[in-house]
Amino acid sequence: MTLDGGKLFNVLSNITSKQIDAARQDKTILAEIVEIENADSGKYRVEYQGNTFFAASTNLDVVYKKGEQVYVLVPQGDFSG
């Protein structure tokens, strides 16, 4: 079976679109608290796969400690914000 150029392009385009859509989904990761930036406002620095970034807790009644493992929601899989 052979595909002409147009059909091949469509197949590759569909595969790529599905991969991009999957990458834009919210992700939940397991990270480690490496620094308490401000427990009163729920701001922590966490580490995930060797990278550190800030994360905010939605429950200010809970204060996390350095070294604890926490679940972090990454909206649309975007770690930049």
N, C-alpha and C. Protein backbone atom coordinates (compact mmCIF):
# COMPACT_ATOMS: atom_id res chain seq x y z
N MET A 1 0.84 -1.18 0.00
CA MET A 1 0.00 0.00 0.00
C MET A 1 0.88 1.24 0.00
N THR A 2 0.59 2.17 -0.84
CA THR A 2 1.34 3.42 -0.88
C THR A 2 0.38 4.58 -0.69
N LEU A 3 0.87 5.64 -0.11
CA LEU A 3 0.08 6.85 0.09
C LEU A 3 0.62 7.95 -0.80
N ASP A 4 -0.27 8.69 -1.41
CA ASP A 4 0.22 9.84 -2.16
C ASP A 4 0.59 10.94 -1.17
N GLY A 5 1.26 11.98 -1.64
CA GLY A 5 1.75 13.04 -0.77
C GLY A 5 0.67 13.69 0.07
N GLY A 6 -0.49 13.94 -0.54
CA GLY A 6 -1.58 14.58 0.19
C GLY A 6 -2.12 13.73 1.32
N LYS A 7 -2.30 12.44 1.04
CA LYS A 7 -2.81 11.53 2.07
C LYS A 7 -1.79 11.37 3.20
N LEU A 8 -0.52 11.28 2.84
CA LEU A 8 0.54 11.15 3.84
C LEU A 8 0.55 12.38 4.73
N PHE A 9 0.44 13.56 4.12
CA PHE A 9 0.41 14.80 4.89
C PHE A 9 -0.76 14.79 5.87
N ASN A 10 -1.94 14.37 5.41
CA ASN A 10 -3.12 14.33 6.27
C ASN A 10 -2.94 13.37 7.44
N VAL A 11 -2.35 12.22 7.18
CA VAL A 11 -2.10 11.24 8.24
C VAL A 11 -1.15 11.84 9.28
N LEU A 12 -0.05 12.42 8.82
CA LEU A 12 0.92 13.02 9.74
C LEU A 12 0.32 14.21 10.48
N SER A 13 -0.49 14.98 9.81
CA SER A 13 -1.14 16.13 10.44
C SER A 13 -2.08 15.67 11.55
N ASN A 14 -2.85 14.62 11.31
CA ASN A 14 -3.76 14.08 12.33
C ASN A 14 -3.00 13.57 13.55
N ILE A 15 -1.91 12.87 13.31
CA ILE A 15 -1.09 12.34 14.41
C ILE A 15 -0.54 13.51 15.23
N THR A 16 0.01 14.50 14.56
CA THR A 16 0.59 15.65 15.24
C THR A 16 -0.47 16.41 16.03
N SER A 17 -1.64 16.61 15.45
CA SER A 17 -2.72 17.33 16.14
C SER A 17 -3.12 16.60 17.42
N LYS A 18 -3.20 15.28 17.37
CA LYS A 18 -3.56 14.50 18.56
C LYS A 18 -2.49 14.63 19.64
N GLN A 19 -1.22 14.63 19.23
CA GLN A 19 -0.13 14.77 20.20
C GLN A 19 -0.15 16.15 20.84
N ILE A 20 -0.42 17.18 20.06
CA ILE A 20 -0.48 18.55 20.60
C ILE A 20 -1.65 18.67 21.56
N ASP A 21 -2.80 18.13 21.19
CA ASP A 21 -3.97 18.18 22.07
C ASP A 21 -3.69 17.46 23.39
N ALA A 22 -3.03 16.33 23.32
CA ALA A 22 -2.70 15.57 24.54
C ALA A 22 -1.74 16.36 25.42
N ALA A 23 -0.79 17.07 24.83
CA ALA A 23 0.19 17.84 25.58
C ALA A 23 -0.46 19.03 26.29
N ARG A 24 -1.59 19.52 25.78
CA ARG A 24 -2.27 20.69 26.35
C ARG A 24 -3.23 20.33 27.48
N GLN A 25 -3.34 19.08 27.81
CA GLN A 25 -4.24 18.67 28.88
C GLN A 25 -3.60 18.97 30.23
N ASP A 26 -4.44 19.20 31.24
CA ASP A 26 -3.93 19.39 32.59
C ASP A 26 -3.17 18.14 33.02
N LYS A 27 -2.11 18.36 33.77
CA LYS A 27 -1.30 17.25 34.28
C LYS A 27 -1.21 17.37 35.80
N THR A 28 -1.18 16.25 36.47
CA THR A 28 -0.92 16.23 37.90
C THR A 28 0.39 15.50 38.10
N ILE A 29 1.32 16.18 38.78
CA ILE A 29 2.65 15.61 39.01
C ILE A 29 2.89 15.44 40.50
N LEU A 30 3.81 14.58 40.84
CA LEU A 30 4.23 14.40 42.23
C LEU A 30 5.58 15.11 42.38
N ALA A 31 5.59 16.17 43.19
CA ALA A 31 6.80 16.98 43.36
C ALA A 31 7.19 16.99 44.84
N GLU A 32 8.41 17.47 45.10
CA GLU A 32 8.90 17.56 46.47
C GLU A 32 9.06 19.02 46.86
N ILE A 33 8.60 19.36 48.06
CA ILE A 33 8.79 20.72 48.57
C ILE A 33 10.27 20.89 48.90
N VAL A 34 10.91 21.89 48.30
CA VAL A 34 12.32 22.14 48.58
C VAL A 34 12.52 23.45 49.35
N GLU A 35 11.48 24.30 49.38
CA GLU A 35 11.58 25.56 50.11
C GLU A 35 10.18 26.08 50.41
N ILE A 36 10.02 26.61 51.61
CA ILE A 36 8.76 27.26 51.95
C ILE A 36 8.97 28.74 51.71
N GLU A 37 8.35 29.24 50.65
CA GLU A 37 8.49 30.66 50.30
C GLU A 37 7.64 31.52 51.24
N ASN A 38 6.36 31.14 51.41
CA ASN A 38 5.47 31.86 52.30
C ASN A 38 4.30 30.94 52.65
N ALA A 39 4.38 30.32 53.81
CA ALA A 39 3.35 29.36 54.21
C ALA A 39 2.00 30.05 54.41
N ASP A 40 2.00 31.31 54.86
CA ASP A 40 0.73 32.02 55.08
C ASP A 40 -0.05 32.21 53.78
N SER A 41 0.67 32.41 52.68
CA SER A 41 -0.02 32.59 51.39
C SER A 41 -0.02 31.30 50.57
N GLY A 42 0.59 30.23 51.12
CA GLY A 42 0.59 28.94 50.45
C GLY A 42 1.55 28.83 49.29
N LYS A 43 2.64 29.62 49.33
CA LYS A 43 3.60 29.61 48.22
C LYS A 43 4.83 28.78 48.60
N TYR A 44 5.13 27.78 47.73
CA TYR A 44 6.23 26.86 47.96
C TYR A 44 7.07 26.74 46.70
N ARG A 45 8.35 26.41 46.88
CA ARG A 45 9.19 26.04 45.74
C ARG A 45 9.26 24.52 45.76
N VAL A 46 8.95 23.92 44.62
CA VAL A 46 8.94 22.46 44.52
C VAL A 46 9.92 22.00 43.45
N GLU A 47 10.31 20.74 43.54
CA GLU A 47 11.22 20.15 42.55
C GLU A 47 10.53 18.97 41.89
N TYR A 48 10.69 18.92 40.56
CA TYR A 48 10.13 17.84 39.77
C TYR A 48 11.10 17.53 38.64
N GLN A 49 11.57 16.31 38.59
CA GLN A 49 12.51 15.85 37.56
C GLN A 49 13.71 16.78 37.43
N GLY A 50 14.26 17.21 38.57
CA GLY A 50 15.46 18.03 38.58
C GLY A 50 15.22 19.51 38.33
N ASN A 51 13.99 19.91 38.10
CA ASN A 51 13.66 21.32 37.87
C ASN A 51 12.88 21.85 39.07
N THR A 52 13.12 23.12 39.42
CA THR A 52 12.38 23.72 40.52
C THR A 52 11.52 24.85 39.99
N PHE A 53 10.37 25.02 40.64
CA PHE A 53 9.45 26.09 40.28
C PHE A 53 8.54 26.35 41.46
N PHE A 54 7.84 27.47 41.42
CA PHE A 54 6.91 27.81 42.49
C PHE A 54 5.56 27.14 42.26
N ALA A 55 4.94 26.76 43.37
CA ALA A 55 3.59 26.19 43.35
C ALA A 55 2.83 26.81 44.51
N ALA A 56 1.54 26.95 44.33
CA ALA A 56 0.70 27.53 45.37
C ALA A 56 -0.31 26.50 45.86
N SER A 57 -0.50 26.48 47.15
CA SER A 57 -1.49 25.59 47.75
C SER A 57 -2.85 26.27 47.72
N THR A 58 -3.88 25.48 47.48
CA THR A 58 -5.24 26.04 47.49
C THR A 58 -5.87 25.91 48.88
N ASN A 59 -5.22 25.19 49.78
CA ASN A 59 -5.74 25.00 51.13
C ASN A 59 -4.75 25.62 52.12
N LEU A 60 -5.03 26.84 52.56
CA LEU A 60 -4.10 27.54 53.45
C LEU A 60 -4.15 27.01 54.88
N ASP A 61 -5.09 26.11 55.17
CA ASP A 61 -5.15 25.50 56.50
C ASP A 61 -4.08 24.43 56.68
N VAL A 62 -3.49 23.98 55.57
CA VAL A 62 -2.45 22.96 55.62
C VAL A 62 -1.11 23.62 55.31
N VAL A 63 -0.14 23.39 56.19
CA VAL A 63 1.21 23.90 55.97
C VAL A 63 2.12 22.71 55.69
N TYR A 64 2.75 22.73 54.54
CA TYR A 64 3.63 21.64 54.14
C TYR A 64 5.04 21.90 54.63
N LYS A 65 5.81 20.83 54.80
CA LYS A 65 7.19 20.93 55.28
C LYS A 65 8.16 20.59 54.16
N LYS A 66 9.36 21.12 54.27
CA LYS A 66 10.42 20.81 53.32
C LYS A 66 10.63 19.30 53.30
N GLY A 67 10.73 18.74 52.09
CA GLY A 67 10.94 17.30 51.93
C GLY A 67 9.66 16.52 51.69
N GLU A 68 8.50 17.13 51.95
CA GLU A 68 7.23 16.43 51.72
C GLU A 68 6.95 16.30 50.23
N GLN A 69 6.29 15.20 49.86
CA GLN A 69 5.84 14.97 48.49
C GLN A 69 4.43 15.51 48.37
N VAL A 70 4.19 16.29 47.33
CA VAL A 70 2.86 16.88 47.12
C VAL A 70 2.46 16.71 45.66
N TYR A 71 1.16 16.64 45.45
CA TYR A 71 0.64 16.62 44.09
C TYR A 71 0.46 18.06 43.63
N VAL A 72 0.90 18.34 42.40
CA VAL A 72 0.80 19.68 41.83
C VAL A 72 0.05 19.58 40.52
N LEU A 73 -0.97 20.41 40.36
CA LEU A 73 -1.73 20.48 39.12
C LEU A 73 -1.03 21.47 38.19
N VAL A 74 -0.72 21.02 36.97
CA VAL A 74 -0.08 21.86 35.96
C VAL A 74 -1.10 22.10 34.86
N PRO A 75 -1.77 23.27 34.88
CA PRO A 75 -2.80 23.53 33.89
C PRO A 75 -2.27 23.48 32.46
N GLN A 76 -2.94 22.73 31.62
CA GLN A 76 -2.60 22.55 30.20
C GLN A 76 -1.16 22.08 30.00
N GLY A 77 -0.58 21.44 31.01
CA GLY A 77 0.78 20.92 30.90
C GLY A 77 1.83 21.99 30.72
N ASP A 78 1.49 23.25 31.07
CA ASP A 78 2.38 24.39 30.84
C ASP A 78 3.12 24.73 32.12
N PHE A 79 4.41 24.41 32.17
CA PHE A 79 5.23 24.66 33.35
C PHE A 79 5.76 26.08 33.40
N SER A 80 5.49 26.90 32.41
CA SER A 80 6.12 28.22 32.33
C SER A 80 5.49 29.25 33.27
N GLY A 81 4.27 29.03 33.69
CA GLY A 81 3.57 30.07 34.46
C GLY A 81 3.66 29.86 35.90
